[in-house]
Structures are given as C-alpha cells and as structure tokens.
Amino acid sequence: MKYAVGIYRLLIAFLCLAWTSVAWGEPDYWVFFTYQTNFVLGLVMAWAGIARLIDGKQPPAWLKGVLTLYILITGIVGAFILPPGDPAKAKYVFGVVTAPVLHKVVPVLALLDFVLFDAHRRFKWHYVFSWLIYFPIYIAFVLIRAGLWPNAGPADDGSSYPYGFIDVSKIGWRQFGVNIVTYLAAFAVLAFVVFLVDRALPKKPLLK
C-alpha cells in the first residue's frame, strides 16, 4: 500500500497542478477560489506523495485538514451554487475541461485520501476556528484587487469580482455582508463536521 498511496497522492497533485496551469497564461484566473485551493492542494499532495514513497515527514495535520476542508468547499460550491459554465468559454487541459476536474474529480479524490489514507484523531478542537482564517483573507484579497483594478477580469463583463455573491458593485455592501456571514457560518459547520469525522475514524489509516 505504501507505493499505491504515494502514487495516488501524486496523481491528485498532477490533476491539481496540471488543470490549474491555464492560470499561468491568464493571471486573472488566480482570483478564483477554485484555482487557489486546487493549486495549493496540489503542492501539498506532491509533498505527501513523495514523503509516502521515501518514508519522509508528512505535511502537518493542520495543513492537511485545512486543505481538505477548502477543497470540499470548492466541490460543494461548484456543484450547488455556481451557475453552469459557458461551454464556448471553457478551458481545456489535455483536451479535458478544467471545471469538472477541479470542482468534482479532485474534491472526491481528496476526500477519499483523507478518509482512507490519513492518520486520524490528530486535529485539535481549535482547528475548527483557525481553519476559517483563509476565507476572510481571500475576501480581503478580492476586495483590494477590485478596488485597485476594477476592470481586470476575470468576469465576462470585465469585472474583477470572480463570483456574483461577492460582487459588491452589483449586490451592494449590505447583501455582501449577509452573504459573507452566511458562508462563513456554513464553512464553520463543515469544519466541525471534518473535525468530528476525524475523531470518529480509527487513529491509524484505514488503508496503509
């Protein structure tokens, strides 16, 4: 299993890094939550996969946990909240559309990795709160970028806001505040679920 797990994690890293590679040619794509989470997950999965193959040090529990949380958020938001993408404007890597890989395939593979191959009962209760720090940092980044470069894209109309539910220019500050509080609360609930699942699973990996 040692080599199978290592190769599996390297496969996830490959999917993440290859299918976010379009952003290197179109830098405004880095404002997307999807591209950020998948790219960082790819780096950490490469670390975890290589470490598994050479019996090296695995990524810290906090880091693996926060990326598991946010890639699940990416999958859930992509599946239930974001509108369907325009096929005419889809991006491809090796002939495969990026959105399904980054929104569906990677989150499922990462969830299986967490459940089957990670050691468990390593998360501390306060991780549920510290994991949330990325979301406000991300929102601050979007707001600052939009303020400095209001027409930098990547929206089709040139807007710098990547998602409609945080587009202050269209929904106003009041609705923006409501949306942010709602999403943060939902993310906190999901973080708690990840923590509980980790506690419920055996300490040693189910497959090792």
N, C-alpha and C. Protein backbone atom coordinates (compact mmCIF):
# COMPACT_ATOMS: atom_id res chain seq x y z
N MET A 1 0.81 -1.21 0.00
CA MET A 1 0.00 0.00 0.00
C MET A 1 0.85 1.27 0.00
N LYS A 2 2.05 1.17 0.53
CA LYS A 2 2.91 2.35 0.61
C LYS A 2 3.05 3.03 -0.74
N TYR A 3 3.37 2.25 -1.78
CA TYR A 3 3.58 2.83 -3.09
C TYR A 3 2.27 3.23 -3.75
N ALA A 4 1.23 2.47 -3.49
CA ALA A 4 -0.09 2.81 -4.06
C ALA A 4 -0.58 4.14 -3.52
N VAL A 5 -0.42 4.36 -2.21
CA VAL A 5 -0.86 5.62 -1.60
C VAL A 5 -0.01 6.78 -2.13
N GLY A 6 1.29 6.57 -2.22
CA GLY A 6 2.17 7.62 -2.74
C GLY A 6 1.80 8.01 -4.16
N ILE A 7 1.58 7.01 -5.01
CA ILE A 7 1.22 7.29 -6.40
C ILE A 7 -0.15 7.95 -6.48
N TYR A 8 -1.08 7.50 -5.63
CA TYR A 8 -2.42 8.10 -5.61
C TYR A 8 -2.33 9.59 -5.27
N ARG A 9 -1.54 9.92 -4.29
CA ARG A 9 -1.39 11.33 -3.91
C ARG A 9 -0.69 12.13 -5.00
N LEU A 10 0.27 11.53 -5.66
CA LEU A 10 0.93 12.22 -6.77
C LEU A 10 -0.02 12.42 -7.95
N LEU A 11 -0.96 11.49 -8.12
CA LEU A 11 -1.98 11.66 -9.15
C LEU A 11 -2.85 12.87 -8.84
N ILE A 12 -3.26 13.00 -7.58
CA ILE A 12 -4.04 14.18 -7.18
C ILE A 12 -3.23 15.45 -7.43
N ALA A 13 -1.95 15.43 -7.06
CA ALA A 13 -1.09 16.59 -7.28
C ALA A 13 -1.02 16.94 -8.77
N PHE A 14 -0.88 15.91 -9.60
CA PHE A 14 -0.82 16.14 -11.05
C PHE A 14 -2.10 16.79 -11.56
N LEU A 15 -3.25 16.27 -11.14
CA LEU A 15 -4.53 16.83 -11.58
C LEU A 15 -4.66 18.30 -11.15
N CYS A 16 -4.30 18.56 -9.90
CA CYS A 16 -4.41 19.93 -9.38
C CYS A 16 -3.50 20.89 -10.14
N LEU A 17 -2.24 20.52 -10.29
CA LEU A 17 -1.26 21.42 -10.88
C LEU A 17 -1.44 21.54 -12.39
N ALA A 18 -1.75 20.44 -13.05
CA ALA A 18 -1.93 20.49 -14.50
C ALA A 18 -3.18 21.27 -14.88
N TRP A 19 -4.27 21.03 -14.17
CA TRP A 19 -5.54 21.65 -14.56
C TRP A 19 -5.70 23.08 -14.01
N THR A 20 -4.77 23.55 -13.20
CA THR A 20 -4.73 24.98 -12.87
C THR A 20 -3.68 25.71 -13.71
N SER A 21 -2.99 24.99 -14.57
CA SER A 21 -1.90 25.59 -15.33
C SER A 21 -2.39 26.66 -16.30
N VAL A 22 -3.67 26.63 -16.67
CA VAL A 22 -4.19 27.65 -17.58
C VAL A 22 -4.07 29.05 -16.96
N ALA A 23 -4.03 29.10 -15.62
CA ALA A 23 -3.95 30.40 -14.94
C ALA A 23 -2.59 31.06 -15.14
N TRP A 24 -1.57 30.29 -15.49
CA TRP A 24 -0.26 30.91 -15.72
C TRP A 24 -0.29 31.75 -17.00
N GLY A 25 -1.15 31.37 -17.94
CA GLY A 25 -1.29 32.16 -19.15
C GLY A 25 -2.32 33.26 -19.02
N GLU A 26 -3.22 33.11 -18.05
CA GLU A 26 -4.26 34.11 -17.79
C GLU A 26 -4.25 34.41 -16.29
N PRO A 27 -3.36 35.29 -15.84
CA PRO A 27 -3.15 35.52 -14.40
C PRO A 27 -4.40 35.92 -13.63
N ASP A 28 -5.40 36.53 -14.31
CA ASP A 28 -6.59 36.91 -13.57
C ASP A 28 -7.37 35.70 -13.05
N TYR A 29 -7.06 34.53 -13.57
CA TYR A 29 -7.72 33.31 -13.08
C TYR A 29 -7.31 32.97 -11.65
N TRP A 30 -6.18 33.51 -11.19
CA TRP A 30 -5.74 33.22 -9.83
C TRP A 30 -6.65 33.84 -8.78
N VAL A 31 -7.56 34.72 -9.19
CA VAL A 31 -8.51 35.30 -8.24
C VAL A 31 -9.62 34.30 -7.90
N PHE A 32 -9.77 33.26 -8.70
CA PHE A 32 -10.79 32.25 -8.42
C PHE A 32 -10.39 31.41 -7.21
N PHE A 33 -11.31 31.25 -6.29
CA PHE A 33 -11.15 30.38 -5.13
C PHE A 33 -10.75 28.98 -5.58
N THR A 34 -11.38 28.51 -6.64
CA THR A 34 -11.13 27.16 -7.16
C THR A 34 -9.67 26.97 -7.54
N TYR A 35 -9.10 27.93 -8.24
CA TYR A 35 -7.72 27.79 -8.69
C TYR A 35 -6.75 27.88 -7.52
N GLN A 36 -7.02 28.75 -6.57
CA GLN A 36 -6.14 28.87 -5.41
C GLN A 36 -6.12 27.59 -4.59
N THR A 37 -7.31 27.08 -4.27
CA THR A 37 -7.37 25.89 -3.41
C THR A 37 -6.78 24.67 -4.10
N ASN A 38 -7.07 24.50 -5.37
CA ASN A 38 -6.53 23.35 -6.09
C ASN A 38 -5.03 23.43 -6.24
N PHE A 39 -4.50 24.62 -6.51
CA PHE A 39 -3.06 24.75 -6.69
C PHE A 39 -2.31 24.43 -5.39
N VAL A 40 -2.76 24.99 -4.27
CA VAL A 40 -2.08 24.73 -3.00
C VAL A 40 -2.24 23.27 -2.60
N LEU A 41 -3.43 22.71 -2.83
CA LEU A 41 -3.62 21.28 -2.56
C LEU A 41 -2.65 20.45 -3.39
N GLY A 42 -2.44 20.85 -4.64
CA GLY A 42 -1.51 20.11 -5.49
C GLY A 42 -0.10 20.09 -4.93
N LEU A 43 0.35 21.23 -4.41
CA LEU A 43 1.69 21.29 -3.81
C LEU A 43 1.78 20.39 -2.59
N VAL A 44 0.75 20.42 -1.74
CA VAL A 44 0.78 19.64 -0.51
C VAL A 44 0.64 18.14 -0.81
N MET A 45 -0.16 17.80 -1.81
CA MET A 45 -0.30 16.40 -2.19
C MET A 45 1.00 15.87 -2.80
N ALA A 46 1.71 16.73 -3.52
CA ALA A 46 3.02 16.31 -4.04
C ALA A 46 3.97 16.02 -2.87
N TRP A 47 3.95 16.89 -1.87
CA TRP A 47 4.75 16.68 -0.66
C TRP A 47 4.36 15.37 0.01
N ALA A 48 3.05 15.17 0.21
CA ALA A 48 2.56 13.97 0.90
C ALA A 48 2.88 12.70 0.12
N GLY A 49 2.75 12.79 -1.21
CA GLY A 49 3.02 11.60 -2.02
C GLY A 49 4.48 11.22 -2.01
N ILE A 50 5.36 12.19 -2.19
CA ILE A 50 6.80 11.90 -2.16
C ILE A 50 7.22 11.41 -0.79
N ALA A 51 6.69 12.06 0.26
CA ALA A 51 7.03 11.65 1.63
C ALA A 51 6.61 10.20 1.89
N ARG A 52 5.47 9.83 1.33
CA ARG A 52 5.00 8.45 1.50
C ARG A 52 5.94 7.46 0.82
N LEU A 53 6.42 7.83 -0.35
CA LEU A 53 7.28 6.92 -1.11
C LEU A 53 8.65 6.76 -0.48
N ILE A 54 9.15 7.81 0.17
CA ILE A 54 10.51 7.75 0.73
C ILE A 54 10.51 7.69 2.26
N ASP A 55 9.32 7.47 2.84
CA ASP A 55 9.19 7.43 4.30
C ASP A 55 9.66 8.74 4.95
N GLY A 56 9.32 9.84 4.30
CA GLY A 56 9.68 11.15 4.82
C GLY A 56 8.60 11.73 5.72
N LYS A 57 8.77 12.97 6.11
CA LYS A 57 7.83 13.64 7.01
C LYS A 57 6.60 14.10 6.24
N GLN A 58 5.43 13.73 6.73
CA GLN A 58 4.18 14.12 6.10
C GLN A 58 3.82 15.57 6.44
N PRO A 59 2.96 16.20 5.62
CA PRO A 59 2.50 17.56 5.94
C PRO A 59 1.84 17.60 7.31
N PRO A 60 1.93 18.72 8.02
CA PRO A 60 1.30 18.84 9.35
C PRO A 60 -0.20 18.59 9.27
N ALA A 61 -0.76 18.09 10.36
CA ALA A 61 -2.19 17.78 10.41
C ALA A 61 -3.03 19.01 10.12
N TRP A 62 -2.64 20.16 10.67
CA TRP A 62 -3.42 21.39 10.45
C TRP A 62 -3.50 21.71 8.97
N LEU A 63 -2.38 21.63 8.27
CA LEU A 63 -2.33 21.98 6.86
C LEU A 63 -3.15 21.00 6.03
N LYS A 64 -3.01 19.72 6.30
CA LYS A 64 -3.79 18.72 5.55
C LYS A 64 -5.27 18.90 5.82
N GLY A 65 -5.61 19.24 7.07
CA GLY A 65 -7.01 19.44 7.42
C GLY A 65 -7.62 20.64 6.74
N VAL A 66 -6.90 21.76 6.74
CA VAL A 66 -7.46 22.98 6.15
C VAL A 66 -7.65 22.82 4.65
N LEU A 67 -6.74 22.11 3.99
CA LEU A 67 -6.89 21.91 2.55
C LEU A 67 -8.00 20.92 2.24
N THR A 68 -8.19 19.92 3.09
CA THR A 68 -9.32 19.02 2.93
C THR A 68 -10.62 19.80 3.04
N LEU A 69 -10.70 20.67 4.03
CA LEU A 69 -11.90 21.49 4.22
C LEU A 69 -12.18 22.35 3.00
N TYR A 70 -11.19 23.07 2.52
CA TYR A 70 -11.44 24.02 1.45
C TYR A 70 -11.62 23.37 0.08
N ILE A 71 -11.04 22.20 -0.13
CA ILE A 71 -11.31 21.54 -1.40
C ILE A 71 -12.72 20.94 -1.38
N LEU A 72 -13.21 20.55 -0.19
CA LEU A 72 -14.61 20.12 -0.09
C LEU A 72 -15.54 21.30 -0.34
N ILE A 73 -15.20 22.46 0.19
CA ILE A 73 -15.98 23.66 -0.07
C ILE A 73 -16.00 23.96 -1.57
N THR A 74 -14.85 23.84 -2.21
CA THR A 74 -14.78 24.05 -3.66
C THR A 74 -15.74 23.13 -4.39
N GLY A 75 -15.76 21.86 -3.99
CA GLY A 75 -16.65 20.90 -4.63
C GLY A 75 -18.11 21.20 -4.38
N ILE A 76 -18.45 21.55 -3.14
CA ILE A 76 -19.85 21.82 -2.80
C ILE A 76 -20.35 23.08 -3.50
N VAL A 77 -19.56 24.15 -3.45
CA VAL A 77 -19.95 25.41 -4.11
C VAL A 77 -20.06 25.19 -5.62
N GLY A 78 -19.11 24.46 -6.19
CA GLY A 78 -19.15 24.21 -7.62
C GLY A 78 -20.36 23.40 -8.04
N ALA A 79 -20.79 22.46 -7.18
CA ALA A 79 -21.90 21.58 -7.52
C ALA A 79 -23.26 22.23 -7.30
N PHE A 80 -23.39 23.04 -6.25
CA PHE A 80 -24.72 23.50 -5.85
C PHE A 80 -24.95 25.01 -5.94
N ILE A 81 -23.90 25.81 -6.08
CA ILE A 81 -24.09 27.27 -6.02
C ILE A 81 -23.71 27.96 -7.32
N LEU A 82 -22.59 27.63 -7.89
CA LEU A 82 -22.15 28.31 -9.09
C LEU A 82 -23.02 27.94 -10.29
N PRO A 83 -23.33 28.90 -11.15
CA PRO A 83 -24.11 28.59 -12.35
C PRO A 83 -23.27 27.77 -13.32
N PRO A 84 -23.92 27.01 -14.20
CA PRO A 84 -23.16 26.24 -15.19
C PRO A 84 -22.30 27.16 -16.05
N GLY A 85 -21.10 26.70 -16.35
CA GLY A 85 -20.21 27.50 -17.17
C GLY A 85 -20.63 27.50 -18.64
N ASP A 86 -20.20 28.51 -19.35
CA ASP A 86 -20.48 28.61 -20.78
C ASP A 86 -19.52 27.68 -21.53
N PRO A 87 -20.05 26.64 -22.20
CA PRO A 87 -19.15 25.70 -22.91
C PRO A 87 -18.24 26.39 -23.91
N ALA A 88 -18.72 27.49 -24.50
CA ALA A 88 -17.91 28.19 -25.50
C ALA A 88 -16.68 28.85 -24.89
N LYS A 89 -16.71 29.08 -23.57
CA LYS A 89 -15.60 29.75 -22.90
C LYS A 89 -14.83 28.81 -21.97
N ALA A 90 -15.10 27.52 -22.09
CA ALA A 90 -14.44 26.54 -21.22
C ALA A 90 -12.95 26.46 -21.53
N LYS A 91 -12.17 26.18 -20.49
CA LYS A 91 -10.73 25.98 -20.64
C LYS A 91 -10.43 24.48 -20.62
N TYR A 92 -9.43 24.10 -21.40
CA TYR A 92 -9.10 22.69 -21.54
C TYR A 92 -7.62 22.44 -21.20
N VAL A 93 -7.38 21.29 -20.62
CA VAL A 93 -6.01 20.80 -20.41
C VAL A 93 -6.00 19.35 -20.90
N PHE A 94 -5.12 19.04 -21.83
CA PHE A 94 -5.07 17.70 -22.44
C PHE A 94 -6.44 17.31 -23.00
N GLY A 95 -7.17 18.29 -23.51
CA GLY A 95 -8.47 18.01 -24.12
C GLY A 95 -9.61 17.81 -23.15
N VAL A 96 -9.36 18.03 -21.86
CA VAL A 96 -10.39 17.83 -20.83
C VAL A 96 -10.71 19.17 -20.20
N VAL A 97 -12.01 19.47 -20.05
CA VAL A 97 -12.45 20.75 -19.47
C VAL A 97 -11.95 20.86 -18.03
N THR A 98 -11.47 22.03 -17.66
CA THR A 98 -10.88 22.20 -16.32
C THR A 98 -11.92 22.14 -15.20
N ALA A 99 -13.09 22.75 -15.40
CA ALA A 99 -14.05 22.90 -14.31
C ALA A 99 -14.45 21.57 -13.66
N PRO A 100 -14.85 20.54 -14.42
CA PRO A 100 -15.23 19.27 -13.76
C PRO A 100 -14.08 18.62 -12.98
N VAL A 101 -12.87 18.76 -13.49
CA VAL A 101 -11.72 18.17 -12.80
C VAL A 101 -11.50 18.87 -11.46
N LEU A 102 -11.51 20.22 -11.49
CA LEU A 102 -11.20 20.99 -10.28
C LEU A 102 -12.37 21.05 -9.30
N HIS A 103 -13.60 20.97 -9.81
CA HIS A 103 -14.79 21.09 -8.94
C HIS A 103 -15.32 19.74 -8.46
N LYS A 104 -15.04 18.67 -9.20
CA LYS A 104 -15.65 17.38 -8.88
C LYS A 104 -14.61 16.28 -8.62
N VAL A 105 -13.76 16.04 -9.61
CA VAL A 105 -12.83 14.91 -9.50
C VAL A 105 -11.86 15.09 -8.34
N VAL A 106 -11.20 16.24 -8.28
CA VAL A 106 -10.21 16.46 -7.23
C VAL A 106 -10.84 16.44 -5.83
N PRO A 107 -11.97 17.12 -5.57
CA PRO A 107 -12.56 17.05 -4.23
C PRO A 107 -12.91 15.62 -3.79
N VAL A 108 -13.42 14.80 -4.72
CA VAL A 108 -13.75 13.42 -4.36
C VAL A 108 -12.48 12.63 -4.03
N LEU A 109 -11.46 12.77 -4.86
CA LEU A 109 -10.20 12.06 -4.61
C LEU A 109 -9.56 12.52 -3.30
N ALA A 110 -9.62 13.82 -3.02
CA ALA A 110 -9.04 14.34 -1.78
C ALA A 110 -9.80 13.84 -0.56
N LEU A 111 -11.12 13.76 -0.67
CA LEU A 111 -11.93 13.23 0.44
C LEU A 111 -11.57 11.77 0.71
N LEU A 112 -11.43 10.98 -0.33
CA LEU A 112 -11.05 9.57 -0.16
C LEU A 112 -9.67 9.46 0.48
N ASP A 113 -8.76 10.32 0.07
CA ASP A 113 -7.42 10.32 0.65
C ASP A 113 -7.49 10.60 2.15
N PHE A 114 -8.28 11.60 2.53
CA PHE A 114 -8.44 11.95 3.94
C PHE A 114 -9.03 10.79 4.74
N VAL A 115 -10.07 10.17 4.22
CA VAL A 115 -10.75 9.11 4.96
C VAL A 115 -9.91 7.83 5.02
N LEU A 116 -9.31 7.44 3.90
CA LEU A 116 -8.67 6.13 3.82
C LEU A 116 -7.19 6.11 4.18
N PHE A 117 -6.45 7.17 3.85
CA PHE A 117 -5.00 7.10 3.93
C PHE A 117 -4.37 7.98 5.00
N ASP A 118 -5.13 8.93 5.55
CA ASP A 118 -4.59 9.78 6.60
C ASP A 118 -4.68 9.12 7.97
N ALA A 119 -3.69 9.41 8.82
CA ALA A 119 -3.85 9.08 10.25
C ALA A 119 -4.89 10.05 10.83
N HIS A 120 -5.65 9.59 11.81
CA HIS A 120 -6.75 10.40 12.34
C HIS A 120 -6.56 10.71 13.83
N ARG A 121 -7.53 11.47 14.33
CA ARG A 121 -7.53 11.94 15.72
C ARG A 121 -6.31 12.82 16.01
N ARG A 122 -5.86 13.54 14.96
CA ARG A 122 -4.73 14.46 15.13
C ARG A 122 -5.20 15.90 15.23
N PHE A 123 -6.45 16.18 14.86
CA PHE A 123 -6.94 17.56 14.83
C PHE A 123 -7.28 18.04 16.24
N LYS A 124 -6.84 19.22 16.57
CA LYS A 124 -7.20 19.84 17.84
C LYS A 124 -8.51 20.62 17.65
N TRP A 125 -9.28 20.78 18.71
CA TRP A 125 -10.60 21.39 18.60
C TRP A 125 -10.54 22.80 18.02
N HIS A 126 -9.47 23.53 18.31
CA HIS A 126 -9.40 24.91 17.84
C HIS A 126 -9.06 25.02 16.35
N TYR A 127 -8.71 23.90 15.72
CA TYR A 127 -8.51 23.93 14.28
C TYR A 127 -9.79 24.35 13.56
N VAL A 128 -10.93 23.97 14.14
CA VAL A 128 -12.21 24.33 13.53
C VAL A 128 -12.30 25.84 13.29
N PHE A 129 -11.70 26.62 14.18
CA PHE A 129 -11.74 28.08 14.04
C PHE A 129 -10.56 28.61 13.24
N SER A 130 -9.37 28.09 13.49
CA SER A 130 -8.20 28.61 12.78
C SER A 130 -8.24 28.25 11.29
N TRP A 131 -8.90 27.15 10.93
CA TRP A 131 -9.04 26.80 9.52
C TRP A 131 -9.81 27.87 8.74
N LEU A 132 -10.66 28.61 9.43
CA LEU A 132 -11.52 29.58 8.75
C LEU A 132 -10.76 30.83 8.31
N ILE A 133 -9.53 31.01 8.75
CA ILE A 133 -8.81 32.26 8.50
C ILE A 133 -8.61 32.54 7.01
N TYR A 134 -8.52 31.49 6.22
CA TYR A 134 -8.28 31.69 4.79
C TYR A 134 -9.42 32.45 4.12
N PHE A 135 -10.66 32.16 4.50
CA PHE A 135 -11.80 32.78 3.81
C PHE A 135 -11.79 34.31 3.92
N PRO A 136 -11.66 34.90 5.13
CA PRO A 136 -11.61 36.36 5.18
C PRO A 136 -10.38 36.94 4.47
N ILE A 137 -9.26 36.22 4.49
CA ILE A 137 -8.09 36.69 3.75
C ILE A 137 -8.39 36.71 2.25
N TYR A 138 -9.05 35.65 1.78
CA TYR A 138 -9.43 35.58 0.37
C TYR A 138 -10.36 36.73 0.00
N ILE A 139 -11.37 36.99 0.83
CA ILE A 139 -12.32 38.06 0.55
C ILE A 139 -11.61 39.41 0.54
N ALA A 140 -10.69 39.63 1.49
CA ALA A 140 -9.94 40.88 1.52
C ALA A 140 -9.12 41.04 0.24
N PHE A 141 -8.51 39.96 -0.20
CA PHE A 141 -7.74 39.99 -1.45
C PHE A 141 -8.61 40.39 -2.63
N VAL A 142 -9.80 39.80 -2.73
CA VAL A 142 -10.72 40.12 -3.83
C VAL A 142 -11.13 41.59 -3.78
N LEU A 143 -11.47 42.09 -2.59
CA LEU A 143 -11.92 43.47 -2.46
C LEU A 143 -10.80 44.46 -2.80
N ILE A 144 -9.59 44.20 -2.29
CA ILE A 144 -8.47 45.10 -2.58
C ILE A 144 -8.15 45.10 -4.07
N ARG A 145 -8.12 43.91 -4.64
CA ARG A 145 -7.83 43.81 -6.08
C ARG A 145 -8.89 44.54 -6.90
N ALA A 146 -10.17 44.36 -6.55
CA ALA A 146 -11.24 45.01 -7.29
C ALA A 146 -11.18 46.53 -7.13
N GLY A 147 -10.78 46.98 -5.93
CA GLY A 147 -10.66 48.40 -5.70
C GLY A 147 -9.54 49.03 -6.51
N LEU A 148 -8.44 48.31 -6.66
CA LEU A 148 -7.29 48.83 -7.39
C LEU A 148 -7.44 48.68 -8.90
N TRP A 149 -8.01 47.56 -9.31
CA TRP A 149 -8.19 47.27 -10.75
C TRP A 149 -9.62 46.79 -11.00
N PRO A 150 -10.58 47.71 -11.04
CA PRO A 150 -12.00 47.34 -11.11
C PRO A 150 -12.40 46.62 -12.40
N ASN A 151 -11.61 46.71 -13.43
CA ASN A 151 -11.96 46.07 -14.70
C ASN A 151 -10.89 45.09 -15.16
N ALA A 152 -10.30 44.41 -14.20
CA ALA A 152 -9.20 43.49 -14.52
C ALA A 152 -9.66 42.09 -14.86
N GLY A 153 -10.98 41.83 -14.79
CA GLY A 153 -11.47 40.47 -15.03
C GLY A 153 -11.30 39.63 -13.77
N PRO A 154 -11.71 38.40 -13.79
CA PRO A 154 -11.95 37.52 -14.93
C PRO A 154 -13.40 37.42 -15.40
N ALA A 155 -14.34 38.18 -14.82
CA ALA A 155 -15.74 38.08 -15.23
C ALA A 155 -15.88 38.46 -16.70
N ASP A 156 -16.91 37.90 -17.34
CA ASP A 156 -17.11 38.15 -18.76
C ASP A 156 -17.30 39.63 -19.08
N ASP A 157 -17.88 40.38 -18.12
CA ASP A 157 -18.10 41.81 -18.35
C ASP A 157 -16.89 42.66 -17.94
N GLY A 158 -15.79 42.00 -17.60
CA GLY A 158 -14.58 42.71 -17.22
C GLY A 158 -14.45 42.98 -15.74
N SER A 159 -15.50 42.68 -14.95
CA SER A 159 -15.48 42.92 -13.52
C SER A 159 -14.38 42.10 -12.85
N SER A 160 -13.79 42.68 -11.81
CA SER A 160 -12.74 41.98 -11.08
C SER A 160 -13.28 41.00 -10.04
N TYR A 161 -14.59 40.96 -9.86
CA TYR A 161 -15.18 40.04 -8.90
C TYR A 161 -15.39 38.67 -9.56
N PRO A 162 -14.81 37.62 -8.99
CA PRO A 162 -14.90 36.31 -9.64
C PRO A 162 -16.25 35.61 -9.47
N TYR A 163 -17.00 35.99 -8.42
CA TYR A 163 -18.27 35.33 -8.14
C TYR A 163 -19.35 36.37 -7.85
N GLY A 164 -20.56 36.11 -8.32
CA GLY A 164 -21.65 37.05 -8.16
C GLY A 164 -22.01 37.33 -6.72
N PHE A 165 -21.87 36.32 -5.84
CA PHE A 165 -22.30 36.51 -4.45
C PHE A 165 -21.35 37.37 -3.63
N ILE A 166 -20.22 37.78 -4.22
CA ILE A 166 -19.33 38.73 -3.54
C ILE A 166 -19.09 39.98 -4.40
N ASP A 167 -19.87 40.15 -5.44
CA ASP A 167 -19.72 41.29 -6.33
C ASP A 167 -20.42 42.51 -5.73
N VAL A 168 -19.69 43.29 -4.97
CA VAL A 168 -20.25 44.45 -4.27
C VAL A 168 -20.87 45.44 -5.25
N SER A 169 -20.30 45.58 -6.43
CA SER A 169 -20.80 46.54 -7.40
C SER A 169 -22.21 46.22 -7.87
N LYS A 170 -22.62 44.95 -7.71
CA LYS A 170 -23.95 44.54 -8.17
C LYS A 170 -24.92 44.28 -7.02
N ILE A 171 -24.43 43.73 -5.92
CA ILE A 171 -25.34 43.34 -4.84
C ILE A 171 -25.34 44.33 -3.68
N GLY A 172 -24.36 45.24 -3.63
CA GLY A 172 -24.29 46.22 -2.56
C GLY A 172 -23.63 45.65 -1.30
N TRP A 173 -23.21 46.56 -0.42
CA TRP A 173 -22.47 46.16 0.77
C TRP A 173 -23.33 45.37 1.76
N ARG A 174 -24.60 45.74 1.87
CA ARG A 174 -25.45 45.04 2.85
C ARG A 174 -25.60 43.57 2.49
N GLN A 175 -25.96 43.28 1.23
CA GLN A 175 -26.11 41.89 0.82
C GLN A 175 -24.77 41.18 0.84
N PHE A 176 -23.71 41.90 0.50
CA PHE A 176 -22.37 41.33 0.58
C PHE A 176 -22.09 40.85 2.01
N GLY A 177 -22.39 41.70 3.00
CA GLY A 177 -22.17 41.33 4.40
C GLY A 177 -22.98 40.12 4.80
N VAL A 178 -24.24 40.08 4.37
CA VAL A 178 -25.11 38.93 4.68
C VAL A 178 -24.52 37.66 4.07
N ASN A 179 -24.08 37.76 2.82
CA ASN A 179 -23.52 36.59 2.14
C ASN A 179 -22.26 36.09 2.84
N ILE A 180 -21.39 37.01 3.23
CA ILE A 180 -20.13 36.60 3.86
C ILE A 180 -20.39 35.92 5.19
N VAL A 181 -21.28 36.48 6.00
CA VAL A 181 -21.60 35.87 7.30
C VAL A 181 -22.22 34.50 7.09
N THR A 182 -23.12 34.39 6.11
CA THR A 182 -23.77 33.10 5.83
C THR A 182 -22.77 32.05 5.40
N TYR A 183 -21.88 32.42 4.49
CA TYR A 183 -20.89 31.45 4.01
C TYR A 183 -19.91 31.09 5.12
N LEU A 184 -19.50 32.05 5.90
CA LEU A 184 -18.55 31.76 6.98
C LEU A 184 -19.17 30.81 8.00
N ALA A 185 -20.46 31.01 8.30
CA ALA A 185 -21.15 30.11 9.22
C ALA A 185 -21.23 28.70 8.64
N ALA A 186 -21.54 28.62 7.35
CA ALA A 186 -21.62 27.31 6.70
C ALA A 186 -20.26 26.62 6.68
N PHE A 187 -19.20 27.39 6.43
CA PHE A 187 -17.86 26.82 6.43
C PHE A 187 -17.47 26.33 7.83
N ALA A 188 -17.90 27.06 8.85
CA ALA A 188 -17.61 26.66 10.22
C ALA A 188 -18.30 25.33 10.54
N VAL A 189 -19.53 25.18 10.08
CA VAL A 189 -20.25 23.91 10.29
C VAL A 189 -19.52 22.78 9.60
N LEU A 190 -19.10 23.00 8.36
CA LEU A 190 -18.39 21.95 7.62
C LEU A 190 -17.05 21.64 8.28
N ALA A 191 -16.37 22.66 8.79
CA ALA A 191 -15.11 22.43 9.51
C ALA A 191 -15.34 21.54 10.72
N PHE A 192 -16.44 21.79 11.43
CA PHE A 192 -16.77 20.97 12.60
C PHE A 192 -17.08 19.54 12.19
N VAL A 193 -17.73 19.37 11.04
CA VAL A 193 -18.03 18.02 10.53
C VAL A 193 -16.73 17.28 10.21
N VAL A 194 -15.79 17.97 9.56
CA VAL A 194 -14.49 17.36 9.25
C VAL A 194 -13.79 16.94 10.54
N PHE A 195 -13.85 17.81 11.54
CA PHE A 195 -13.24 17.51 12.84
C PHE A 195 -13.89 16.27 13.47
N LEU A 196 -15.22 16.19 13.42
CA LEU A 196 -15.94 15.05 14.02
C LEU A 196 -15.65 13.76 13.27
N VAL A 197 -15.57 13.84 11.95
CA VAL A 197 -15.25 12.64 11.17
C VAL A 197 -13.86 12.15 11.52
N ASP A 198 -12.93 13.07 11.64
CA ASP A 198 -11.56 12.71 12.03
C ASP A 198 -11.55 12.02 13.39
N ARG A 199 -12.35 12.53 14.32
CA ARG A 199 -12.42 11.94 15.66
C ARG A 199 -13.07 10.57 15.65
N ALA A 200 -14.02 10.37 14.73
CA ALA A 200 -14.78 9.11 14.68
C ALA A 200 -13.98 7.98 14.03
N LEU A 201 -13.05 8.33 13.16
CA LEU A 201 -12.29 7.31 12.45
C LEU A 201 -11.16 6.75 13.33
N PRO A 202 -10.73 5.53 13.04
CA PRO A 202 -9.60 4.94 13.80
C PRO A 202 -8.36 5.81 13.70
N LYS A 203 -7.53 5.76 14.72
CA LYS A 203 -6.33 6.60 14.75
C LYS A 203 -5.39 6.27 13.60
N LYS A 204 -5.21 4.99 13.31
CA LYS A 204 -4.34 4.60 12.22
C LYS A 204 -5.11 4.63 10.90
N PRO A 205 -4.44 4.88 9.79
CA PRO A 205 -5.13 4.91 8.49
C PRO A 205 -5.92 3.64 8.23
N LEU A 206 -7.07 3.77 7.59
CA LEU A 206 -7.87 2.58 7.27
C LEU A 206 -7.14 1.69 6.30
N LEU A 207 -6.41 2.30 5.37
CA LEU A 207 -5.58 1.55 4.43
C LEU A 207 -4.17 2.11 4.52
N LYS A 208 -3.22 1.27 4.79
CA LYS A 208 -1.84 1.73 4.93
C LYS A 208 -0.84 0.73 4.33
